[in-house]
């Protein structure tokens, strides 16, 4: 969903047929600010900037996307028409809260493996119609996006593989029918399946819910026979386990937790 369409839908959801407060009294210029009540990593700048253009208010940034903030910090100030700002208060806060919460948890995962050189990826486990927004928040936290949808990479999961009689024959057809630049990733649950996937021509092999020992075996086999193939680990990835997974030698680790396990941080808007 394009930013403008997303923002219009966001505002329409909250304002409905019109903010009742806006019917009363006169408008006046005001200055508002958002203050952090907990520490975190900021995200939401791109969307608030666009909203400011659409609804004619000014924003003074104290932090940028990807920047850390501490409890008590003012992250941004807003100047404009009082009725406009008050009508959009919850929309602005919800966007910044949601995005910054994801960015904050993502940054913790990234920090846990930064010394290994392994990349942290998100997944398609996003809230309906919020994929673009939530994956943007992951980037702000230092993570890297996995595929956005079914159209930018062909991933053969266990459910797909159950419908394929001969993977080698299937892969020959794949290379004729998907774009030349599109990669093929195959989900594997064992070293034996990983060997089959590599022989069939996978660009990426996912070590799905494998033990650390099994993952190391796949890495060793890849290094010896198919060094051009990328390896991704997924499944049961937590802050407690991610470093050990990274040390197996895979190229990337994917986790939906950075999005669906992100707890909201605490931000509040005040008017001076």
Protein backbone atom coordinates (compact mmCIF):
# COMPACT_ATOMS: atom_id res chain seq x y z
CA UNK A 1 0.00 0.00 0.00
CA UNK A 2 1.41 3.41 -0.95
CA UNK A 3 2.17 5.74 1.96
CA UNK A 4 -0.50 8.29 1.04
CA UNK A 5 -3.24 5.68 0.73
CA UNK A 6 -2.13 4.09 3.99
CA UNK A 7 -2.15 7.42 5.81
CA UNK A 8 -5.57 8.41 4.45
CA UNK A 9 -7.00 5.10 5.66
CA UNK A 10 -5.32 5.56 9.05
CA UNK A 11 -6.79 9.01 9.54
CA UNK A 12 -10.23 7.97 8.25
CA UNK A 13 -10.33 5.11 10.76
CA UNK A 14 -9.85 7.49 13.70
CA UNK A 15 -11.64 10.64 12.59
CA UNK A 16 -14.60 8.93 10.97
CA UNK A 17 -17.21 11.54 10.00
CA UNK A 18 -15.27 14.27 11.79
CA UNK A 19 -13.54 15.03 15.08
CA UNK A 20 -16.25 16.33 17.42
CA UNK A 21 -13.77 18.61 19.20
CA UNK A 22 -13.04 20.36 15.90
CA UNK A 23 -16.68 21.56 15.73
CA UNK A 24 -16.26 23.71 18.80
CA UNK A 25 -14.45 26.99 19.44
CA UNK A 26 -11.72 28.58 17.38
CA UNK A 27 -8.44 27.19 16.17
CA UNK A 28 -5.07 28.57 17.21
CA UNK A 29 -1.41 27.84 16.43
CA UNK A 30 0.18 25.44 18.92
CA UNK A 31 3.43 23.58 19.51
CA UNK A 32 3.23 19.95 20.62
CA UNK A 33 5.95 17.44 21.31
CA UNK A 34 6.38 13.70 21.74
CA UNK A 35 8.37 12.64 24.78
CA UNK A 36 9.83 9.21 25.46
CA UNK A 37 8.83 7.50 28.68
CA UNK A 38 11.13 4.58 27.97
CA UNK A 39 14.28 4.02 25.92
CA UNK A 40 14.25 2.66 22.39
CA UNK A 41 15.13 3.02 18.71
CA UNK A 42 13.11 5.50 16.70
CA UNK A 43 11.11 4.69 13.57
CA UNK A 44 8.26 6.44 11.80
CA UNK A 45 9.97 9.51 10.39
CA UNK A 46 9.15 8.73 6.74
CA UNK A 47 5.46 8.36 7.52
CA UNK A 48 5.13 11.38 9.81
CA UNK A 49 6.91 13.51 7.19
CA UNK A 50 4.37 12.45 4.58
CA UNK A 51 1.46 13.07 6.97
CA UNK A 52 2.80 16.57 7.67
CA UNK A 53 2.81 17.32 3.94
CA UNK A 54 -0.73 16.04 3.54
CA UNK A 55 -2.21 17.95 6.50
CA UNK A 56 -0.04 21.08 6.52
CA UNK A 57 1.82 21.03 9.81
CA UNK A 58 5.53 21.35 10.54
CA UNK A 59 7.77 18.84 12.29
CA UNK A 60 11.05 19.56 14.03
CA UNK A 61 13.03 16.34 14.40
CA UNK A 62 15.11 15.63 17.47
CA UNK A 63 15.92 12.06 16.39
CA UNK A 64 15.88 10.28 13.03
CA UNK A 65 14.91 6.80 11.90
CA UNK A 66 17.32 4.31 13.43
CA UNK A 67 18.49 6.66 16.20
CA UNK A 68 18.41 5.63 19.84
CA UNK A 69 16.61 7.69 22.46
CA UNK A 70 16.45 7.60 26.25
CA UNK A 71 13.65 8.03 28.75
CA UNK A 72 12.82 11.72 28.99
CA UNK A 73 14.05 12.63 25.51
CA UNK A 74 11.86 14.69 23.20
CA UNK A 75 11.87 12.84 19.88
CA UNK A 76 10.02 15.41 17.77
CA UNK A 77 8.06 18.67 17.97
CA UNK A 78 5.00 19.59 15.92
CA UNK A 79 3.88 23.11 15.04
CA UNK A 80 0.58 23.95 13.39
CA UNK A 81 -3.16 24.43 13.66
CA UNK A 82 -4.48 23.22 17.03
CA UNK A 83 -7.49 21.35 15.66
CA UNK A 84 -5.42 19.61 13.00
CA UNK A 85 -2.74 18.47 15.42
CA UNK A 86 -5.21 17.32 18.06
CA UNK A 87 -7.22 15.41 15.47
CA UNK A 88 -4.07 13.63 14.26
CA UNK A 89 -2.52 13.07 17.70
CA UNK A 90 -3.44 9.39 18.00
CA UNK A 91 -2.56 8.64 14.36
CA UNK A 92 0.91 10.10 14.82
CA UNK A 93 1.48 8.37 18.15
CA UNK A 94 0.26 4.98 16.96
CA UNK A 95 2.54 5.05 13.93
CA UNK A 96 5.60 6.10 15.90
CA UNK A 97 4.85 3.71 18.75
CA UNK A 98 4.27 0.72 16.50
CA UNK A 99 7.27 1.34 14.26
CA UNK A 100 9.65 2.27 17.07
CA UNK A 101 8.68 -0.81 19.09
CA UNK A 102 9.58 -3.08 16.17
CA UNK A 103 12.78 -1.14 15.50
CA UNK A 104 13.74 -1.38 19.18
CA UNK A 105 13.38 -5.17 19.35
CA UNK A 106 15.04 -5.61 15.95
CA UNK A 107 18.04 -3.61 17.14
CA UNK A 108 18.43 -5.95 20.11
CA UNK A 109 18.52 -8.98 17.80
CA UNK A 110 20.96 -7.26 15.45
CA UNK A 111 23.21 -6.27 18.33
CA UNK A 112 23.31 -9.88 19.57
CA UNK A 113 24.92 -11.11 16.32
CA UNK A 114 26.72 -8.04 14.98
CA UNK A 115 30.14 -9.54 15.80
CA UNK A 116 29.38 -12.61 13.65
CA UNK A 117 28.66 -10.87 10.35
CA UNK A 118 25.41 -12.81 9.98
CA UNK A 119 22.40 -10.87 8.65
CA UNK A 120 19.09 -10.65 10.52
CA UNK A 121 16.03 -11.03 8.28
CA UNK A 122 12.33 -10.55 8.94
CA UNK A 123 9.56 -12.80 7.57
CA UNK A 124 6.08 -12.49 6.05
CA UNK A 125 4.53 -12.93 9.50
CA UNK A 126 3.17 -9.40 9.49
CA UNK A 127 -0.21 -7.95 10.43
CA UNK A 128 -2.68 -7.84 7.53
CA UNK A 129 -2.13 -4.76 5.32
CA UNK A 130 0.77 -3.56 7.50
CA UNK A 131 3.60 -5.48 5.81
CA UNK A 132 5.23 -2.50 4.11
CA UNK A 133 5.02 -0.44 7.31
CA UNK A 134 6.30 -3.17 9.61
CA UNK A 135 9.14 -4.18 7.31
CA UNK A 136 10.15 -0.51 7.10
CA UNK A 137 10.36 -0.52 10.90
CA UNK A 138 12.63 -3.58 10.77
CA UNK A 139 15.00 -1.70 8.47
CA UNK A 140 15.07 1.21 10.91
CA UNK A 141 16.20 -1.25 13.58
CA UNK A 142 19.07 -2.49 11.44
CA UNK A 143 17.43 -5.65 10.11
CA UNK A 144 17.16 -6.67 6.45
CA UNK A 145 13.91 -7.48 4.73
CA UNK A 146 13.23 -10.98 3.48
CA UNK A 147 10.83 -11.19 0.53
CA UNK A 148 7.93 -8.75 0.53
CA UNK A 149 5.53 -11.23 -1.04
CA UNK A 150 5.10 -14.25 -3.25
CA UNK A 151 6.19 -12.33 -6.34
CA UNK A 152 9.80 -11.42 -5.55
CA UNK A 153 11.32 -14.79 -4.61
CA UNK A 154 10.15 -18.37 -5.07
CA UNK A 155 10.31 -20.16 -1.74
CA UNK A 156 9.46 -23.85 -1.72
CA UNK A 157 8.20 -24.67 1.76
CA UNK A 158 7.34 -28.12 3.09
CA UNK A 159 3.76 -27.65 1.91
CA UNK A 160 4.92 -26.90 -1.63
CA UNK A 161 7.33 -29.82 -1.65
CA UNK A 162 4.50 -32.22 -0.83
CA UNK A 163 2.99 -31.38 -4.24
CA UNK A 164 6.23 -31.87 -6.23
CA UNK A 165 7.02 -35.37 -7.50
CA UNK A 166 10.52 -34.69 -8.86
CA UNK A 167 12.33 -31.62 -7.57
CA UNK A 168 14.97 -31.71 -10.31
CA UNK A 169 12.38 -31.71 -13.09
CA UNK A 170 10.36 -29.04 -11.30
CA UNK A 171 13.40 -26.76 -10.99
CA UNK A 172 14.07 -26.95 -14.72
CA UNK A 173 10.56 -25.63 -15.35
CA UNK A 174 11.03 -22.99 -12.66
CA UNK A 175 14.06 -21.54 -14.46
CA UNK A 176 12.01 -21.20 -17.64
CA UNK A 177 9.04 -19.48 -16.02
CA UNK A 178 10.22 -17.16 -13.27
CA UNK A 179 12.20 -13.96 -13.94
CA UNK A 180 15.92 -14.42 -14.57
CA UNK A 181 16.73 -12.20 -11.58
CA UNK A 182 14.44 -14.04 -9.12
CA UNK A 183 16.01 -16.39 -6.60
CA UNK A 184 14.74 -19.78 -5.48
CA UNK A 185 14.84 -20.73 -1.81
CA UNK A 186 14.09 -24.24 -0.59
CA UNK A 187 13.09 -25.03 2.98
CA UNK A 188 14.90 -28.07 4.40
CA UNK A 189 14.59 -29.92 7.69
CA UNK A 190 17.59 -32.23 7.38
CA UNK A 191 21.05 -32.52 5.84
CA UNK A 192 19.70 -35.06 3.36
CA UNK A 193 17.01 -32.65 2.13
CA UNK A 194 19.55 -29.83 1.95
CA UNK A 195 21.77 -31.96 -0.29
CA UNK A 196 18.81 -32.61 -2.61
CA UNK A 197 17.93 -28.90 -2.70
CA UNK A 198 21.49 -27.86 -3.49
CA UNK A 199 21.81 -30.44 -6.26
CA UNK A 200 18.49 -29.27 -7.73
CA UNK A 201 19.83 -25.73 -8.07
CA UNK A 202 18.53 -23.74 -5.12
CA UNK A 203 19.98 -20.26 -4.69
CA UNK A 204 19.19 -20.26 -0.97
CA UNK A 205 18.70 -23.20 1.38
CA UNK A 206 16.77 -22.64 4.58
CA UNK A 207 17.77 -24.72 7.59
CA UNK A 208 14.31 -24.87 9.13
CA UNK A 209 14.07 -25.81 12.80
CA UNK A 210 17.32 -27.76 12.59
CA UNK A 211 19.49 -28.44 15.62
CA UNK A 212 22.77 -26.55 15.87
CA UNK A 213 24.65 -29.74 15.03
CA UNK A 214 22.57 -30.41 11.92
CA UNK A 215 22.93 -26.81 10.78
CA UNK A 216 26.71 -27.04 11.14
CA UNK A 217 26.66 -30.17 8.96
CA UNK A 218 24.72 -28.33 6.25
CA UNK A 219 27.20 -25.43 6.44
CA UNK A 220 30.15 -27.80 6.09
CA UNK A 221 28.56 -29.58 3.12
CA UNK A 222 27.71 -26.27 1.44
CA UNK A 223 31.24 -24.96 1.93
CA UNK A 224 32.74 -28.09 0.42
CA UNK A 225 30.41 -28.59 -2.55
CA UNK A 226 28.24 -25.51 -3.27
CA UNK A 227 30.01 -22.42 -1.87
CA UNK A 228 27.84 -20.09 -4.01
CA UNK A 229 24.60 -21.13 -2.26
CA UNK A 230 23.36 -18.95 0.60
CA UNK A 231 22.20 -20.53 3.85
CA UNK A 232 19.42 -19.16 6.02
CA UNK A 233 18.48 -20.49 9.47
CA UNK A 234 14.95 -20.14 10.80
CA UNK A 235 12.78 -21.48 13.59
CA UNK A 236 12.92 -21.07 17.37
CA UNK A 237 15.01 -17.93 17.07
CA UNK A 238 15.09 -15.92 20.30
CA UNK A 239 17.45 -13.42 21.88
CA UNK A 240 18.80 -16.32 23.93
CA UNK A 241 19.48 -18.61 20.94
CA UNK A 242 20.35 -16.30 18.06
CA UNK A 243 24.08 -15.96 18.80
CA UNK A 244 24.60 -19.73 18.85
CA UNK A 245 22.69 -20.07 15.58
CA UNK A 246 24.82 -17.35 13.98
CA UNK A 247 28.00 -19.14 15.02
CA UNK A 248 27.05 -22.21 12.95
CA UNK A 249 28.24 -20.37 9.85
CA UNK A 250 24.96 -19.58 8.10
CA UNK A 251 24.69 -16.37 6.09
CA UNK A 252 21.42 -15.11 7.56
CA UNK A 253 18.86 -15.80 10.27
CA UNK A 254 15.18 -15.03 9.78
CA UNK A 255 12.75 -14.40 12.61
CA UNK A 256 9.18 -13.22 12.73
CA UNK A 257 9.63 -12.42 16.41
CA UNK A 258 11.09 -8.98 15.70
CA UNK A 259 7.62 -7.97 14.51
CA UNK A 260 5.04 -10.10 16.28
CA UNK A 261 6.83 -10.20 19.66
CA UNK A 262 7.62 -6.48 19.82
CA UNK A 263 6.13 -4.94 22.96
CA UNK A 264 5.08 -1.31 22.69
CA UNK A 265 7.45 1.21 24.16
CA UNK A 266 6.06 4.29 25.93
CA UNK A 267 5.73 7.62 24.08
CA UNK A 268 3.36 10.48 24.85
CA UNK A 269 2.31 13.71 23.14
CA UNK A 270 2.10 16.95 25.12
CA UNK A 271 1.14 20.51 24.16
CA UNK A 272 3.32 23.35 25.41
